[in-house]
Protein backbone atom coordinates (compact mmCIF):
# COMPACT_ATOMS: atom_id res chain seq x y z
CA MET A 1 19.20 9.71 -1.10
CA ARG A 2 18.80 12.27 1.66
CA PRO A 3 16.54 10.88 4.39
CA LEU A 4 12.99 12.13 4.87
CA ARG A 5 11.10 12.11 8.14
CA LEU A 6 7.70 10.44 8.37
CA SER A 7 6.25 13.34 10.36
CA ALA A 8 2.87 11.63 10.58
CA TYR A 9 1.26 8.49 9.21
CA THR A 10 -2.00 6.62 9.42
CA LEU A 11 -3.54 3.40 8.18
CA THR A 12 -7.05 2.09 7.49
CA SER A 13 -7.74 -1.44 6.27
CA ALA A 14 -9.85 -4.52 6.98
CA LEU A 15 -8.00 -4.69 10.31
CA GLY A 16 -9.52 -1.42 11.48
CA ALA A 17 -9.18 2.35 11.37
CA GLY A 18 -6.01 3.82 12.80
CA LEU A 19 -2.63 2.65 14.01
CA ALA A 20 -3.75 1.16 17.33
CA ASP A 21 -6.15 -1.27 15.62
CA HIS A 22 -3.36 -2.45 13.34
CA VAL A 23 -0.79 -2.92 16.07
CA ALA A 24 -3.26 -5.04 18.06
CA ALA A 25 -4.23 -7.17 15.03
CA LEU A 26 -0.66 -7.69 13.85
CA ARG A 27 0.53 -8.67 17.32
CA ALA A 28 -2.38 -11.13 17.70
CA GLN A 29 -1.93 -12.53 14.16
CA ARG A 30 -5.54 -11.63 13.44
CA SER A 31 -6.81 -11.41 9.87
CA GLY A 32 -9.42 -9.04 8.50
CA ILE A 33 -10.22 -11.34 5.57
CA VAL A 34 -13.68 -12.92 5.61
CA ARG A 35 -15.75 -14.99 3.19
CA GLN A 36 -18.87 -13.16 2.03
CA HIS A 37 -21.06 -12.01 -0.83
CA TRP A 38 -20.43 -8.44 -1.99
CA GLU A 39 -22.33 -6.09 -4.25
CA THR A 40 -24.00 -8.03 -7.12
CA ILE A 41 -21.43 -10.85 -7.27
CA ASP A 42 -23.31 -14.15 -7.16
CA PHE A 43 -20.57 -16.17 -5.49
CA GLU A 44 -18.87 -15.92 -2.12
CA PHE A 45 -15.22 -15.00 -1.98
CA CYS A 46 -12.70 -14.06 0.68
CA MET A 47 -12.07 -10.34 0.93
CA GLY A 48 -10.66 -7.66 3.20
CA GLU A 49 -13.40 -5.03 3.37
CA VAL A 50 -13.01 -1.81 5.39
CA ALA A 51 -15.88 -1.36 7.84
CA GLY A 52 -17.91 1.83 7.72
CA VAL A 53 -17.01 3.12 4.25
CA ASP A 54 -20.62 3.22 3.10
CA GLY A 55 -21.51 5.39 6.09
CA VAL A 56 -18.94 8.09 5.33
CA VAL A 57 -20.54 11.35 4.19
CA LEU A 58 -18.46 13.81 2.21
CA ASP A 59 -18.90 17.51 2.83
CA SER A 60 -21.36 19.13 0.42
CA ALA A 61 -18.46 20.98 -1.23
CA PHE A 62 -17.18 17.59 -2.40
CA ALA A 63 -20.52 16.18 -3.60
CA ARG A 64 -19.19 15.53 -7.12
CA TYR A 65 -16.32 13.49 -5.61
CA ASP A 66 -18.64 11.08 -3.80
CA CYS A 67 -17.51 7.52 -4.50
CA ARG A 68 -16.28 4.58 -2.46
CA ASN A 69 -12.61 5.44 -3.07
CA ASN A 70 -12.90 9.05 -1.87
CA ARG A 71 -15.04 8.02 1.09
CA LEU A 72 -12.31 5.59 2.03
CA ALA A 73 -9.72 8.37 1.60
CA GLN A 74 -11.66 10.68 3.92
CA LEU A 75 -12.08 7.90 6.49
CA GLY A 76 -8.33 7.34 6.40
CA LEU A 77 -7.48 11.04 6.71
CA ALA A 78 -9.60 11.29 9.88
CA GLN A 79 -7.40 8.83 11.84
CA ASP A 80 -4.44 9.33 14.18
CA GLY A 81 -4.52 13.13 14.07
CA PHE A 82 -3.09 12.96 10.54
CA ALA A 83 -5.12 15.85 9.09
CA GLU A 84 -4.06 18.11 11.95
CA ARG A 85 -0.38 17.33 11.36
CA VAL A 86 -0.79 18.07 7.66
CA ARG A 87 -2.37 21.44 8.39
CA GLU A 88 0.54 22.25 10.70
CA ALA A 89 2.92 21.43 7.85
CA ILE A 90 0.96 23.64 5.46
CA ALA A 91 1.28 26.50 7.95
CA ARG A 92 5.06 25.93 8.03
CA HIS A 93 5.71 25.51 4.34
CA GLY A 94 2.80 27.14 2.50
CA ALA A 95 -0.03 25.63 0.48
CA SER A 96 2.00 25.64 -2.74
CA ARG A 97 4.96 23.77 -1.22
CA VAL A 98 3.12 20.63 -0.08
CA ALA A 99 2.50 17.99 -2.74
CA VAL A 100 -0.11 15.24 -2.88
CA LEU A 101 1.38 12.07 -4.39
CA LEU A 102 -0.83 9.00 -4.11
CA GLY A 103 -1.13 5.54 -5.62
CA SER A 104 -4.33 3.90 -6.80
CA SER A 105 -5.38 1.27 -9.30
CA THR A 106 -9.15 1.23 -8.96
CA SER A 107 -9.95 4.87 -8.23
CA GLY A 108 -13.75 5.28 -8.20
CA ILE A 109 -14.51 2.71 -10.87
CA LEU A 110 -17.35 1.25 -8.79
CA ASN A 111 -19.40 4.40 -9.50
CA SER A 112 -19.17 3.76 -13.22
CA GLU A 113 -20.00 0.07 -12.75
CA ILE A 114 -23.18 1.06 -10.88
CA ALA A 115 -23.99 3.76 -13.44
CA TYR A 116 -23.98 1.22 -16.27
CA ARG A 117 -26.86 -0.60 -14.56
CA HIS A 118 -28.92 2.58 -14.86
CA ARG A 119 -28.36 3.57 -18.47
CA ASP A 120 -31.34 4.96 -20.32
CA PRO A 121 -33.00 1.89 -21.91
CA GLN A 122 -33.73 3.76 -25.17
CA THR A 123 -30.54 5.79 -25.70
CA GLY A 124 -28.02 3.93 -23.56
CA ARG A 125 -27.07 7.26 -22.01
CA LEU A 126 -25.37 7.08 -18.61
CA PRO A 127 -26.98 8.84 -15.64
CA GLU A 128 -26.31 12.56 -15.40
CA ASP A 129 -25.07 12.20 -11.82
CA LEU A 130 -22.05 10.13 -12.93
CA TYR A 131 -19.14 12.56 -12.58
CA TYR A 132 -16.31 10.70 -14.27
CA ARG A 133 -13.64 13.32 -13.73
CA GLU A 134 -14.20 13.47 -9.98
CA THR A 135 -14.72 9.75 -9.36
CA HIS A 136 -13.59 7.18 -11.94
CA ASN A 137 -10.70 9.24 -13.29
CA SER A 138 -7.37 8.02 -11.87
CA TYR A 139 -6.51 11.53 -10.67
CA SER A 140 -9.69 11.72 -8.58
CA VAL A 141 -8.26 10.78 -5.18
CA ALA A 142 -5.29 13.17 -5.43
CA ASP A 143 -7.61 15.96 -6.55
CA PHE A 144 -9.94 15.20 -3.63
CA VAL A 145 -7.12 15.21 -1.05
CA ARG A 146 -5.59 18.34 -2.56
CA ARG A 147 -8.90 20.18 -2.29
CA TYR A 148 -9.60 18.69 1.15
CA PHE A 149 -6.49 20.48 2.45
CA GLN A 150 -6.85 23.51 0.12
CA LEU A 151 -3.42 22.91 -1.37
CA SER A 152 -2.05 24.53 -4.52
CA GLY A 153 1.14 22.50 -4.98
CA PRO A 154 1.82 19.54 -7.27
CA ALA A 155 -0.61 16.62 -7.16
CA SER A 156 -0.57 13.36 -9.05
CA VAL A 157 -1.59 9.71 -8.91
CA VAL A 158 0.78 6.88 -9.76
CA SER A 159 -0.97 3.82 -11.17
CA THR A 160 1.56 1.04 -11.66
CA ALA A 161 -0.60 -1.77 -10.28
CA CYS A 162 0.61 -3.15 -6.95
CA SER A 163 3.70 -0.92 -6.68
CA SER A 164 1.71 2.32 -7.07
CA SER A 165 1.73 3.62 -3.51
CA ALA A 166 5.32 2.55 -2.85
CA LYS A 167 6.63 4.45 -5.85
CA VAL A 168 5.14 7.73 -4.60
CA PHE A 169 7.64 7.71 -1.71
CA ALA A 170 10.45 7.71 -4.27
CA THR A 171 8.67 10.40 -6.32
CA ALA A 172 8.38 12.62 -3.24
CA ALA A 173 12.06 12.14 -2.41
CA ARG A 174 13.06 13.28 -5.89
CA MET A 175 10.77 16.30 -5.84
CA ILE A 176 11.94 17.43 -2.41
CA ASP A 177 15.58 16.90 -3.39
CA ALA A 178 15.02 19.00 -6.53
CA GLY A 179 13.63 21.84 -4.43
CA LEU A 180 10.19 21.72 -6.02
CA ILE A 181 8.40 21.10 -2.71
CA ASP A 182 9.15 21.03 1.00
CA ALA A 183 6.73 18.29 2.05
CA ALA A 184 4.50 15.64 0.53
CA ILE A 185 1.39 13.71 1.47
CA VAL A 186 2.11 10.24 0.12
CA GLY A 187 0.38 6.87 0.29
CA GLY A 188 -2.44 5.18 -1.52
CA VAL A 189 -6.15 4.44 -1.61
CA ASP A 190 -7.77 1.50 -3.38
CA SER A 191 -11.33 0.34 -2.92
CA LEU A 192 -13.26 -2.77 -3.82
CA CYS A 193 -14.96 -2.90 -7.19
CA LEU A 194 -16.45 -5.51 -9.46
CA THR A 195 -13.74 -5.13 -12.12
CA THR A 196 -11.07 -6.16 -9.62
CA VAL A 197 -12.94 -9.19 -8.33
CA TYR A 198 -14.00 -10.48 -11.73
CA GLY A 199 -10.65 -9.62 -13.32
CA PHE A 200 -8.49 -11.50 -10.83
CA SER A 201 -11.00 -14.35 -10.72
CA SER A 202 -10.80 -14.71 -14.51
CA LEU A 203 -7.01 -14.99 -14.19
CA GLN A 204 -7.60 -17.80 -11.65
CA LEU A 205 -5.55 -15.89 -9.08
CA VAL A 206 -8.16 -15.62 -6.30
CA SER A 207 -8.01 -18.16 -3.50
CA PRO A 208 -11.28 -19.70 -2.31
CA ASP A 209 -9.94 -19.35 1.24
CA PRO A 210 -8.10 -16.56 3.07
CA CYS A 211 -4.72 -16.22 1.38
CA ARG A 212 -1.63 -17.97 2.77
CA PRO A 213 1.56 -16.28 1.54
CA PHE A 214 4.59 -18.58 1.26
CA ASP A 215 2.57 -21.54 2.54
CA ALA A 216 3.04 -24.96 1.01
CA SER A 217 -0.67 -24.95 0.11
CA ARG A 218 -0.99 -21.35 -1.08
CA ASN A 219 -3.32 -20.98 -4.03
CA GLY A 220 -4.01 -17.34 -4.71
CA ILE A 221 -4.72 -13.86 -3.42
CA SER A 222 -7.46 -12.39 -1.27
CA ILE A 223 -8.58 -9.00 -2.53
CA GLY A 224 -8.71 -6.16 -0.02
CA GLU A 225 -9.10 -2.42 0.17
CA GLY A 226 -7.47 0.26 2.29
CA ALA A 227 -6.02 3.73 2.68
CA ALA A 228 -2.59 4.74 3.95
CA PHE A 229 -1.11 8.20 4.28
CA ALA A 230 2.25 9.56 5.37
CA LEU A 231 3.61 13.09 5.60
CA LEU A 232 7.20 13.34 4.37
CA GLU A 233 9.46 16.26 5.30
CA ARG A 234 13.16 16.99 5.53
CA PRO A 235 14.47 16.27 9.04
CA ASP A 236 16.03 19.41 10.59
CA THR A 237 17.35 17.40 13.52
CA ALA A 238 17.59 13.71 14.37
CA VAL A 239 15.18 12.80 17.17
CA ALA A 240 15.56 9.33 18.67
CA GLY A 241 12.68 7.03 17.82
CA GLU A 242 11.59 8.84 14.65
CA VAL A 243 11.02 6.89 11.46
CA TRP A 244 12.79 8.07 8.32
CA LEU A 245 12.58 7.00 4.71
CA THR A 246 16.25 6.34 3.99
CA GLY A 247 16.25 4.43 0.71
CA ALA A 248 14.19 3.76 -2.40
CA GLY A 249 14.86 1.53 -5.39
CA GLU A 250 12.79 1.05 -8.53
CA SER A 251 13.01 -1.17 -11.59
CA SER A 252 10.93 -2.09 -14.63
CA ASP A 253 11.84 -5.53 -15.90
CA ALA A 254 8.84 -5.98 -18.23
CA TYR A 255 9.37 -9.73 -18.21
CA HIS A 256 5.66 -10.51 -18.67
CA MET A 257 2.37 -8.67 -18.34
CA SER A 258 1.18 -10.66 -15.33
CA SER A 259 4.01 -13.00 -14.30
CA PRO A 260 7.29 -12.07 -12.58
CA HIS A 261 10.70 -13.10 -13.82
CA PRO A 262 11.22 -16.60 -12.29
CA GLU A 263 14.49 -15.49 -10.67
CA GLY A 264 13.05 -12.14 -9.60
CA LEU A 265 15.70 -10.19 -11.49
CA GLY A 266 13.71 -6.94 -11.46
CA ALA A 267 12.96 -7.43 -7.78
CA GLN A 268 16.65 -7.98 -7.07
CA HIS A 269 17.53 -4.76 -8.84
CA ALA A 270 14.93 -2.77 -6.86
CA MET A 271 16.17 -4.17 -3.54
CA ARG A 272 19.85 -3.57 -4.33
CA SER A 273 19.06 -0.03 -5.49
CA ALA A 274 17.14 0.69 -2.28
CA LEU A 275 20.05 -0.54 -0.16
CA ALA A 276 22.52 1.52 -2.19
CA SER A 277 20.47 4.70 -1.88
CA ALA A 278 20.27 4.15 1.89
CA GLY A 279 24.00 3.44 2.14
CA LEU A 280 23.30 0.07 3.76
CA GLN A 281 24.41 -3.52 3.34
CA PRO A 282 21.97 -6.47 3.26
CA ALA A 283 23.05 -7.46 6.79
CA ASP A 284 21.82 -4.09 8.10
CA ILE A 285 18.19 -4.94 7.35
CA GLY A 286 16.42 -6.46 10.37
CA TYR A 287 13.09 -7.31 8.71
CA ILE A 288 11.61 -7.52 5.21
CA ASN A 289 7.94 -6.90 4.54
CA LEU A 290 7.49 -9.14 1.51
CA HIS A 291 5.20 -8.38 -1.40
CA GLY A 292 3.97 -11.93 -0.70
CA THR A 293 0.76 -12.22 -2.71
CA ALA A 294 0.28 -15.96 -2.03
CA THR A 295 0.22 -16.96 -5.69
CA PRO A 296 2.68 -19.79 -6.41
CA SER A 297 4.71 -17.92 -9.05
CA ASN A 298 4.92 -14.54 -7.28
CA ASP A 299 6.04 -15.98 -3.95
CA ALA A 300 8.61 -18.25 -5.64
CA ALA A 301 10.08 -15.39 -7.66
CA GLU A 302 10.26 -13.08 -4.65
CA ASP A 303 11.84 -15.81 -2.54
CA ALA A 304 14.53 -16.32 -5.17
CA ALA A 305 15.19 -12.58 -5.30
CA VAL A 306 15.33 -12.16 -1.52
CA CYS A 307 17.66 -15.11 -1.08
CA ALA A 308 19.92 -13.78 -3.83
CA VAL A 309 20.25 -10.39 -2.11
CA PHE A 310 19.94 -11.23 1.59
CA GLY A 311 20.56 -14.92 1.93
CA THR A 312 18.25 -17.00 4.13
CA GLN A 313 18.61 -15.46 7.61
CA THR A 314 16.82 -12.08 7.44
CA PRO A 315 13.38 -12.31 9.11
CA ALA A 316 10.58 -11.71 6.62
CA SER A 317 6.82 -12.01 6.28
CA SER A 318 3.89 -10.86 4.19
CA THR A 319 1.07 -8.96 5.87
CA LYS A 320 -1.38 -9.57 3.02
CA GLY A 321 -2.79 -12.47 5.04
CA HIS A 322 -3.94 -9.77 7.48
CA THR A 323 -5.27 -7.13 5.10
CA GLY A 324 -5.81 -8.90 1.80
CA HIS A 325 -4.06 -7.62 -1.30
CA THR A 326 -5.02 -3.97 -1.44
CA LEU A 327 -3.51 -3.56 -4.93
CA GLY A 328 -2.66 0.10 -5.54
CA ALA A 329 -2.76 0.85 -1.81
CA ALA A 330 -0.57 -2.12 -0.81
CA GLY A 331 2.78 -0.31 -0.96
CA GLY A 332 1.55 2.54 1.25
CA ILE A 333 -0.15 0.22 3.72
CA GLU A 334 2.95 -1.93 4.07
CA ALA A 335 5.16 1.16 4.38
CA VAL A 336 3.13 2.25 7.40
CA ILE A 337 3.28 -1.29 8.81
CA CYS A 338 7.07 -1.04 8.51
CA ALA A 339 6.93 2.20 10.50
CA LEU A 340 4.98 0.34 13.20
CA VAL A 341 7.58 -2.45 13.21
CA LEU A 342 10.26 0.15 13.94
CA THR A 343 8.36 2.08 16.60
CA GLU A 344 6.59 -0.78 18.37
CA GLY A 345 9.50 -3.22 18.46
CA PHE A 346 7.98 -6.36 16.97
CA LEU A 347 8.21 -8.37 13.77
CA PRO A 348 4.78 -9.48 12.48
CA ALA A 349 4.28 -13.06 11.39
CA GLY A 350 2.27 -14.02 8.34
CA VAL A 351 -1.24 -14.92 9.44
CA GLY A 352 -2.74 -17.95 7.70
CA THR A 353 0.62 -19.42 6.85
CA THR A 354 1.23 -22.60 8.85
CA THR A 355 3.77 -24.59 6.82
CA GLN A 356 6.32 -22.79 4.70
CA ASP A 357 6.73 -24.22 1.22
CA PRO A 358 9.92 -26.32 1.43
CA ALA A 359 10.90 -25.00 -2.00
CA LEU A 360 11.09 -21.47 -0.56
CA HIS A 361 14.13 -20.67 1.54
CA CYS A 362 13.82 -17.18 2.99
CA HIS A 363 13.40 -16.84 6.78
CA TYR A 364 9.61 -16.55 6.85
CA LEU A 365 8.15 -15.79 10.28
CA LEU A 366 5.37 -18.11 11.41
CA SER A 367 4.97 -16.50 14.84
CA GLN A 368 5.15 -12.90 16.03
CA ARG A 369 8.51 -11.88 17.45
CA ASP A 370 9.28 -9.08 19.91
CA GLN A 371 12.46 -7.53 18.57
CA GLN A 372 13.72 -3.99 18.05
CA VAL A 373 15.37 -3.41 14.68
CA GLN A 374 16.80 -0.25 13.14
CA HIS A 375 16.30 -0.79 9.41
CA VAL A 376 13.50 -2.55 7.49
CA LEU A 377 12.76 -3.06 3.82
CA SER A 378 9.36 -3.16 2.13
CA ASN A 379 8.79 -4.79 -1.27
CA SER A 380 6.04 -3.91 -3.76
CA PHE A 381 6.02 -5.57 -7.16
CA GLY A 382 3.37 -4.83 -9.77
CA PHE A 383 2.08 -6.41 -12.97
CA GLY A 384 4.31 -5.73 -15.95
CA GLY A 385 7.45 -5.80 -13.80
CA SER A 386 6.98 -2.44 -12.09
CA ASN A 387 9.00 -2.94 -8.91
CA CYS A 388 9.74 -0.77 -5.89
CA SER A 389 11.59 -1.41 -2.63
CA LEU A 390 11.73 1.08 0.24
CA VAL A 391 14.03 1.25 3.26
CA PHE A 392 12.79 2.74 6.52
CA SER A 393 15.01 3.41 9.53
CA ARG A 394 14.50 4.22 13.19
CA VAL A 395 16.64 7.08 14.43
CA GLN A 396 18.94 5.97 17.22
CA ALA A 397 19.67 8.04 20.33
């Protein structure tokens, strides 16, 4: 694929709002996951909640879009000068030539969950102020961001579970290569809701403690929320220190609805495809941001896949111990973390992981390492075998 410049990017999660908060937390191996009660759930669980979402007020023009997911999106857009950089790109390319391509799995489902508590007791009718199209509908967040920037180009939401906001990078690359657009706002937004908590709890996938990816005692995920955005454009020139998207690989193995192939065959295919599209060999990758959910089967399958493609020497870690598993936003969040790895010159260790499972053989980092690398790979693997791997590169002098 032809490389695309990350002209701007930003990140909001349980670790904080903006890039600086995340660099500090990653370097310090600090987690944003805490045990607490939330909403009407009558048990405590460990979660990565973004501070301040409830206090976000949408402009009156977006009143129908008011939900936790779109509040989180607006909070994310306000960080790191991202909105200003997008408006500069719109001035360069035109409002019809900038796409909005985002990933989400929850959208604004919490609004509907709350609305069901307030149905009319006689008729069962839902409250009139529930605006499904602008909140619960999967397209909601892309529609909100598109209107936020007054864009008239393509806009869509990818919802392929945990690979959603990784796959939009590949979608943008194809659309730009086809000449349909000149730039794209990509990333993902996923917010906490009751369906997520109860759903993963019913599958017995939620850890009672903060998650510990690749640890010998790992026992499940910690649910989180977050928003990540990046602006992708063609690079006119190569400027040293810039971060480019240089490769993307996707696969759909459909091995099982909720379990990965034990040998990670679909994951292997995605990683090999990403390397091929970047024109790189496995030895060129200096760090892998693992999908690393901290469930026994997912970590084992990913470890098998990584070892099959890269061997056992490439440094790797999962940052879900920092942020929690942000589901549809995970791919975008971890893409931005990869950009920080390239620009800040460090490899983040997996917080919460103290003893690597001896049955897992990849080179999992247990302590933060200061090291400049040129190429990194990010893995995002979703339910149903929807897999995506991305390669990001730092432009050399």
